[in-house]
Amino acid sequence: MRQIKVNSLLGNEIITAADVKSYVRIDTDEDDAIITNMITQARIWCENYISRDIVAKNRTYFLPDTSGLFDLPFAPINTVTGVTIEGEAATFTEYGLDDLSIELDGGPSSNVKVTYTTQGLNDGLIKQALLQMVSNYYDNRADFEIGKTVNEIPTNVKSILSGYKTMFI
């Protein structure tokens, strides 16, 4: 089974609690910790939805078997820092732009581990999607409210992110 692990974050959130408070029109500092947590939660949901990193990360990707050519998830990729096969350093060739493909010089292999860093995405559309999502999280902090319809994820957030969405299998 393919596995992917985040080793560390290399960047910061692209929106701040102050950005959210301005967007939602919150005048107090009492909920800053909650808002900061919601920013992280919204970013993680968006990254998983589009299969791309919004905040740059160091990742490890494990493949039990490969034909020798495979794509790395959560592009855009910044650098590939290491590839091992059965625990031994491997030689490889990189292809592509944002969706970096790796071709192992030895061909098909088992127990391949790739360590790499991603660049992260940072533009106005993604910031807008995050603001809308955090706003929704903030307004709907409970599982239900009597007399109010609660949406799980605003459909406009999915529309904004659709241009970034990639399918990684």
Protein backbone atom coordinates (compact mmCIF):
# COMPACT_ATOMS: atom_id res chain seq x y z
CA MET A 1 0.00 0.00 0.00
CA ARG A 2 1.32 3.43 -0.92
CA GLN A 3 1.88 5.71 2.04
CA ILE A 4 2.66 9.39 2.39
CA LYS A 5 3.87 11.20 5.46
CA VAL A 6 4.38 14.87 6.29
CA ASN A 7 7.77 15.16 7.99
CA SER A 8 7.60 18.89 8.65
CA LEU A 9 6.01 22.15 7.57
CA LEU A 10 8.41 24.48 5.77
CA GLY A 11 6.14 27.49 5.50
CA ASN A 12 3.43 29.43 7.29
CA GLU A 13 -0.32 29.63 6.82
CA ILE A 14 -1.20 31.94 3.92
CA ILE A 15 -3.98 33.66 5.87
CA THR A 16 -3.85 34.92 9.45
CA ALA A 17 -6.34 35.27 12.28
CA ALA A 18 -6.36 39.01 11.51
CA ASP A 19 -7.34 38.27 7.88
CA VAL A 20 -10.22 36.08 9.07
CA LYS A 21 -11.37 38.59 11.68
CA SER A 22 -11.47 41.31 9.04
CA TYR A 23 -13.35 39.06 6.60
CA VAL A 24 -15.88 37.86 9.20
CA ARG A 25 -16.04 41.26 10.97
CA ILE A 26 -14.93 40.07 14.39
CA ASP A 27 -13.84 42.91 16.70
CA THR A 28 -12.57 40.96 19.71
CA ASP A 29 -9.44 38.91 20.37
CA GLU A 30 -11.24 36.29 22.49
CA ASP A 31 -11.52 33.71 19.68
CA ASP A 32 -8.03 34.12 18.16
CA ALA A 33 -6.87 30.64 19.24
CA ILE A 34 -10.04 29.04 17.83
CA ILE A 35 -9.67 30.95 14.57
CA THR A 36 -6.00 29.95 14.26
CA ASN A 37 -6.95 26.28 14.67
CA MET A 38 -9.74 26.67 12.11
CA ILE A 39 -7.27 28.16 9.62
CA THR A 40 -5.11 25.04 9.92
CA GLN A 41 -8.12 22.74 9.64
CA ALA A 42 -9.42 24.56 6.56
CA ARG A 43 -5.99 24.48 4.89
CA ILE A 44 -5.59 20.74 5.51
CA TRP A 45 -9.06 20.05 4.09
CA CYS A 46 -8.29 22.16 0.99
CA GLU A 47 -4.90 20.48 0.47
CA ASN A 48 -6.52 17.05 0.61
CA TYR A 49 -9.33 18.17 -1.71
CA ILE A 50 -6.98 19.49 -4.42
CA SER A 51 -4.12 17.01 -3.75
CA ARG A 52 -1.63 19.87 -3.63
CA ASP A 53 0.24 21.56 -0.79
CA ILE A 54 -0.79 25.09 0.12
CA VAL A 55 1.92 25.35 2.78
CA ALA A 56 5.34 24.02 1.75
CA LYS A 57 6.27 20.73 3.39
CA ASN A 58 8.92 18.06 3.63
CA ARG A 59 7.29 14.72 2.76
CA THR A 60 8.18 11.04 2.51
CA TYR A 61 6.40 8.84 -0.03
CA PHE A 62 6.60 5.03 0.12
CA LEU A 63 5.70 2.67 -2.72
CA PRO A 64 5.77 -1.09 -2.05
CA ASP A 65 6.08 -1.78 -5.79
CA THR A 66 6.57 0.41 -8.85
CA SER A 67 7.07 -0.05 -12.56
CA GLY A 68 9.98 2.37 -12.23
CA LEU A 69 8.02 5.47 -13.31
CA PHE A 70 5.70 7.27 -10.89
CA ASP A 71 4.37 10.71 -9.97
CA LEU A 72 4.90 12.38 -6.62
CA PRO A 73 1.73 13.53 -4.86
CA PHE A 74 1.01 17.02 -3.55
CA ALA A 75 2.93 19.00 -6.19
CA PRO A 76 4.29 21.53 -6.94
CA ILE A 77 7.53 19.81 -6.02
CA ASN A 78 10.49 21.93 -4.99
CA THR A 79 13.26 19.35 -4.65
CA VAL A 80 13.69 15.61 -4.37
CA THR A 81 16.13 15.12 -1.52
CA GLY A 82 16.50 11.36 -1.70
CA VAL A 83 15.29 8.11 -3.23
CA THR A 84 16.00 4.70 -1.75
CA ILE A 85 15.18 1.18 -2.92
CA GLU A 86 15.21 -1.47 -0.19
CA GLY A 87 17.04 1.07 2.02
CA GLU A 88 19.86 1.70 -0.49
CA ALA A 89 20.35 5.02 -2.32
CA ALA A 90 18.95 4.90 -5.85
CA THR A 91 19.65 6.87 -9.00
CA PHE A 92 16.72 8.43 -10.79
CA THR A 93 15.66 10.95 -13.41
CA GLU A 94 13.11 13.73 -12.80
CA TYR A 95 10.49 14.65 -15.43
CA GLY A 96 7.70 17.20 -15.65
CA LEU A 97 7.02 20.60 -14.18
CA ASP A 98 4.65 20.92 -11.22
CA ASP A 99 3.64 17.26 -11.20
CA LEU A 100 7.10 15.85 -10.94
CA SER A 101 7.55 12.34 -12.25
CA ILE A 102 10.38 10.09 -11.11
CA GLU A 103 11.89 7.36 -13.26
CA LEU A 104 14.14 4.95 -11.42
CA ASP A 105 17.28 4.18 -13.42
CA GLY A 106 17.02 0.53 -12.34
CA GLY A 107 13.45 0.08 -13.65
CA PRO A 108 10.75 -1.76 -11.69
CA SER A 109 11.48 -1.90 -7.96
CA SER A 110 10.05 -2.71 -4.56
CA ASN A 111 10.11 -0.79 -1.28
CA VAL A 112 10.84 2.62 -2.79
CA LYS A 113 11.03 5.61 -0.45
CA VAL A 114 11.20 9.19 -1.76
CA THR A 115 11.87 12.22 0.41
CA TYR A 116 11.03 15.58 -1.14
CA THR A 117 9.91 19.13 -0.47
CA THR A 118 6.94 20.93 -1.95
CA GLN A 119 6.66 24.61 -2.82
CA GLY A 120 3.12 25.30 -1.65
CA LEU A 121 0.53 27.45 -3.39
CA ASN A 122 -0.23 31.04 -2.46
CA ASP A 123 -2.63 33.15 -4.49
CA GLY A 124 -5.80 35.18 -4.08
CA LEU A 125 -8.21 32.41 -5.06
CA ILE A 126 -6.84 29.98 -2.51
CA LYS A 127 -6.85 32.68 0.16
CA GLN A 128 -10.50 33.43 -0.69
CA ALA A 129 -11.42 29.74 -0.43
CA LEU A 130 -9.71 29.51 2.95
CA LEU A 131 -11.43 32.66 4.23
CA GLN A 132 -14.83 31.33 3.17
CA MET A 133 -14.16 27.97 4.72
CA VAL A 134 -12.93 29.40 8.04
CA SER A 135 -15.94 31.72 8.06
CA ASN A 136 -18.20 28.69 7.64
CA TYR A 137 -16.34 26.81 10.39
CA TYR A 138 -16.62 29.81 12.71
CA ASP A 139 -20.35 30.30 12.08
CA ASN A 140 -21.09 26.57 12.45
CA ARG A 141 -18.98 25.48 15.41
CA ALA A 142 -21.51 22.93 16.63
CA ASP A 143 -22.93 19.85 14.90
CA PHE A 144 -26.33 21.49 14.76
CA GLU A 145 -28.27 24.61 15.60
CA ILE A 146 -32.01 24.61 16.17
CA GLY A 147 -33.81 26.38 13.36
CA LYS A 148 -30.73 26.88 11.17
CA THR A 149 -29.46 24.96 8.16
CA VAL A 150 -25.77 24.10 8.47
CA ASN A 151 -23.68 23.30 5.39
CA GLU A 152 -20.68 21.00 5.65
CA ILE A 153 -18.47 22.68 3.04
CA PRO A 154 -19.66 25.69 1.05
CA THR A 155 -20.06 24.75 -2.60
CA ASN A 156 -18.42 28.02 -3.65
CA VAL A 157 -15.19 26.87 -1.94
CA LYS A 158 -15.21 23.73 -4.09
CA SER A 159 -15.84 25.88 -7.17
CA ILE A 160 -12.91 28.16 -6.34
CA LEU A 161 -10.59 25.19 -5.78
CA SER A 162 -11.71 23.18 -8.82
CA GLY A 163 -9.03 24.74 -11.03
CA TYR A 164 -6.32 23.50 -8.68
CA LYS A 165 -7.73 20.02 -8.15
CA THR A 166 -5.63 17.07 -9.29
CA MET A 167 -6.42 13.45 -8.85
CA PHE A 168 -3.65 11.40 -7.37
CA ILE A 169 -4.07 7.65 -7.47
